[in-house]
Amino acid sequence: MVLGVVSDVGWDLRATFAHHGLDHYFSSWVHSYAHDTEKPDPLLFQHACRELGVAQE
């Protein structure tokens, strides 16, 4: 199983997840600020699917 984070917050969440020992569970981190858009823009979810190697449904 692969897991990813798609987030609308204005900062990188990896440090927060790492602080709680959870970062190693996730293979993809897609932050809306890095793509100059926000949810529910399909671009964010499409990017996460490509990074995770899963089909878009």
N, C-alpha and C. Protein backbone atom coordinates (compact mmCIF):
# COMPACT_ATOMS: atom_id res chain seq x y z
N MET A 1 0.84 -1.18 0.00
CA MET A 1 0.00 0.00 0.00
C MET A 1 0.89 1.24 0.00
N VAL A 2 0.48 2.25 -0.76
CA VAL A 2 1.18 3.53 -0.78
C VAL A 2 0.25 4.61 -0.28
N LEU A 3 0.82 5.59 0.41
CA LEU A 3 0.04 6.69 0.96
C LEU A 3 0.70 8.01 0.59
N GLY A 4 -0.14 9.01 0.39
CA GLY A 4 0.37 10.34 0.10
C GLY A 4 -0.42 11.38 0.85
N VAL A 5 0.14 12.56 0.93
CA VAL A 5 -0.50 13.70 1.56
C VAL A 5 -0.74 14.76 0.48
N VAL A 6 -1.97 15.22 0.37
CA VAL A 6 -2.31 16.35 -0.49
C VAL A 6 -2.86 17.41 0.45
N SER A 7 -2.16 18.54 0.54
CA SER A 7 -2.48 19.53 1.57
C SER A 7 -2.63 20.93 1.00
N ASP A 8 -3.51 21.70 1.63
CA ASP A 8 -3.72 23.10 1.29
C ASP A 8 -3.02 24.06 2.25
N VAL A 9 -2.34 23.57 3.25
CA VAL A 9 -1.67 24.48 4.18
C VAL A 9 -0.52 25.19 3.47
N GLY A 10 -0.11 26.31 4.00
CA GLY A 10 0.90 27.13 3.35
C GLY A 10 2.33 26.81 3.73
N TRP A 11 2.59 25.63 4.25
CA TRP A 11 3.95 25.23 4.61
C TRP A 11 4.10 23.72 4.38
N ASP A 12 5.33 23.28 4.35
CA ASP A 12 5.64 21.87 4.14
C ASP A 12 5.35 21.09 5.41
N LEU A 13 4.50 20.11 5.32
CA LEU A 13 4.06 19.34 6.49
C LEU A 13 5.03 18.23 6.91
N ARG A 14 6.05 17.96 6.11
CA ARG A 14 6.94 16.83 6.41
C ARG A 14 7.58 16.93 7.80
N ALA A 15 8.00 18.12 8.19
CA ALA A 15 8.64 18.27 9.50
C ALA A 15 7.66 17.97 10.63
N THR A 16 6.42 18.37 10.47
CA THR A 16 5.41 18.10 11.50
C THR A 16 5.16 16.60 11.61
N PHE A 17 5.03 15.93 10.47
CA PHE A 17 4.83 14.48 10.49
C PHE A 17 6.06 13.78 11.07
N ALA A 18 7.24 14.25 10.72
CA ALA A 18 8.48 13.66 11.23
C ALA A 18 8.57 13.82 12.75
N HIS A 19 8.17 14.97 13.24
CA HIS A 19 8.20 15.23 14.69
C HIS A 19 7.38 14.19 15.44
N HIS A 20 6.32 13.73 14.83
CA HIS A 20 5.44 12.73 15.46
C HIS A 20 5.75 11.31 15.01
N GLY A 21 6.85 11.14 14.26
CA GLY A 21 7.28 9.81 13.82
C GLY A 21 6.39 9.20 12.75
N LEU A 22 5.70 10.03 11.98
CA LEU A 22 4.75 9.52 10.98
C LEU A 22 5.21 9.69 9.54
N ASP A 23 6.25 10.44 9.30
CA ASP A 23 6.65 10.78 7.93
C ASP A 23 7.02 9.57 7.09
N HIS A 24 7.55 8.55 7.70
CA HIS A 24 8.00 7.38 6.93
C HIS A 24 6.84 6.56 6.35
N TYR A 25 5.62 6.85 6.76
CA TYR A 25 4.46 6.15 6.22
C TYR A 25 4.03 6.67 4.85
N PHE A 26 4.52 7.83 4.44
CA PHE A 26 4.04 8.49 3.24
C PHE A 26 5.11 8.54 2.15
N SER A 27 4.68 8.27 0.92
CA SER A 27 5.58 8.25 -0.22
C SER A 27 5.49 9.49 -1.08
N SER A 28 4.44 10.27 -0.91
CA SER A 28 4.24 11.46 -1.73
C SER A 28 3.73 12.60 -0.86
N TRP A 29 4.27 13.78 -1.13
CA TRP A 29 3.85 14.99 -0.42
C TRP A 29 3.54 16.05 -1.47
N VAL A 30 2.27 16.41 -1.59
CA VAL A 30 1.85 17.40 -2.58
C VAL A 30 1.21 18.56 -1.81
N HIS A 31 1.88 19.69 -1.85
CA HIS A 31 1.39 20.89 -1.16
C HIS A 31 0.90 21.89 -2.19
N SER A 32 -0.29 22.39 -1.99
CA SER A 32 -0.91 23.29 -2.97
C SER A 32 -0.05 24.52 -3.24
N TYR A 33 0.62 25.05 -2.23
CA TYR A 33 1.44 26.26 -2.43
C TYR A 33 2.56 26.02 -3.45
N ALA A 34 3.04 24.79 -3.54
CA ALA A 34 4.12 24.46 -4.46
C ALA A 34 3.63 24.36 -5.91
N HIS A 35 2.31 24.28 -6.08
CA HIS A 35 1.73 24.15 -7.41
C HIS A 35 0.86 25.36 -7.77
N ASP A 36 0.92 26.38 -6.94
CA ASP A 36 0.19 27.63 -7.17
C ASP A 36 -1.29 27.40 -7.45
N THR A 37 -1.89 26.53 -6.66
CA THR A 37 -3.32 26.24 -6.78
C THR A 37 -3.82 25.76 -5.42
N GLU A 38 -5.05 25.30 -5.35
CA GLU A 38 -5.58 24.78 -4.10
C GLU A 38 -6.63 23.72 -4.39
N LYS A 39 -6.96 22.96 -3.36
CA LYS A 39 -8.03 21.96 -3.50
C LYS A 39 -9.32 22.69 -3.84
N PRO A 40 -10.14 22.12 -4.63
CA PRO A 40 -10.16 20.75 -5.16
C PRO A 40 -9.56 20.62 -6.57
N ASP A 41 -8.60 21.46 -6.93
CA ASP A 41 -7.99 21.38 -8.26
C ASP A 41 -7.47 19.97 -8.52
N PRO A 42 -7.95 19.32 -9.57
CA PRO A 42 -7.51 17.95 -9.87
C PRO A 42 -6.00 17.83 -10.08
N LEU A 43 -5.34 18.92 -10.47
CA LEU A 43 -3.90 18.90 -10.68
C LEU A 43 -3.16 18.33 -9.48
N LEU A 44 -3.58 18.71 -8.29
CA LEU A 44 -2.91 18.25 -7.07
C LEU A 44 -3.03 16.74 -6.91
N PHE A 45 -4.22 16.23 -7.13
CA PHE A 45 -4.46 14.80 -6.96
C PHE A 45 -3.82 14.00 -8.09
N GLN A 46 -3.82 14.55 -9.29
CA GLN A 46 -3.17 13.88 -10.42
C GLN A 46 -1.67 13.77 -10.18
N HIS A 47 -1.10 14.84 -9.65
CA HIS A 47 0.34 14.82 -9.35
C HIS A 47 0.65 13.76 -8.29
N ALA A 48 -0.16 13.69 -7.26
CA ALA A 48 0.04 12.69 -6.20
C ALA A 48 -0.08 11.28 -6.77
N CYS A 49 -1.06 11.05 -7.62
CA CYS A 49 -1.23 9.72 -8.22
C CYS A 49 -0.01 9.34 -9.06
N ARG A 50 0.52 10.29 -9.84
CA ARG A 50 1.71 10.00 -10.63
C ARG A 50 2.89 9.66 -9.73
N GLU A 51 3.08 10.43 -8.67
CA GLU A 51 4.20 10.16 -7.75
C GLU A 51 4.06 8.80 -7.08
N LEU A 52 2.82 8.41 -6.79
CA LEU A 52 2.58 7.14 -6.10
C LEU A 52 2.51 5.95 -7.07
N GLY A 53 2.41 6.26 -8.37
CA GLY A 53 2.32 5.19 -9.35
C GLY A 53 0.98 4.46 -9.32
N VAL A 54 -0.09 5.21 -9.04
CA VAL A 54 -1.42 4.60 -8.98
C VAL A 54 -2.31 5.24 -10.03
N ALA A 55 -3.34 4.51 -10.43
CA ALA A 55 -4.27 5.00 -11.44
C ALA A 55 -5.16 6.08 -10.84
N GLN A 56 -5.50 7.03 -11.69
CA GLN A 56 -6.45 8.07 -11.29
C GLN A 56 -7.84 7.55 -11.55
N GLU A 57 -8.69 7.63 -10.55
CA GLU A 57 -10.07 7.13 -10.72
C GLU A 57 -11.05 8.25 -10.56
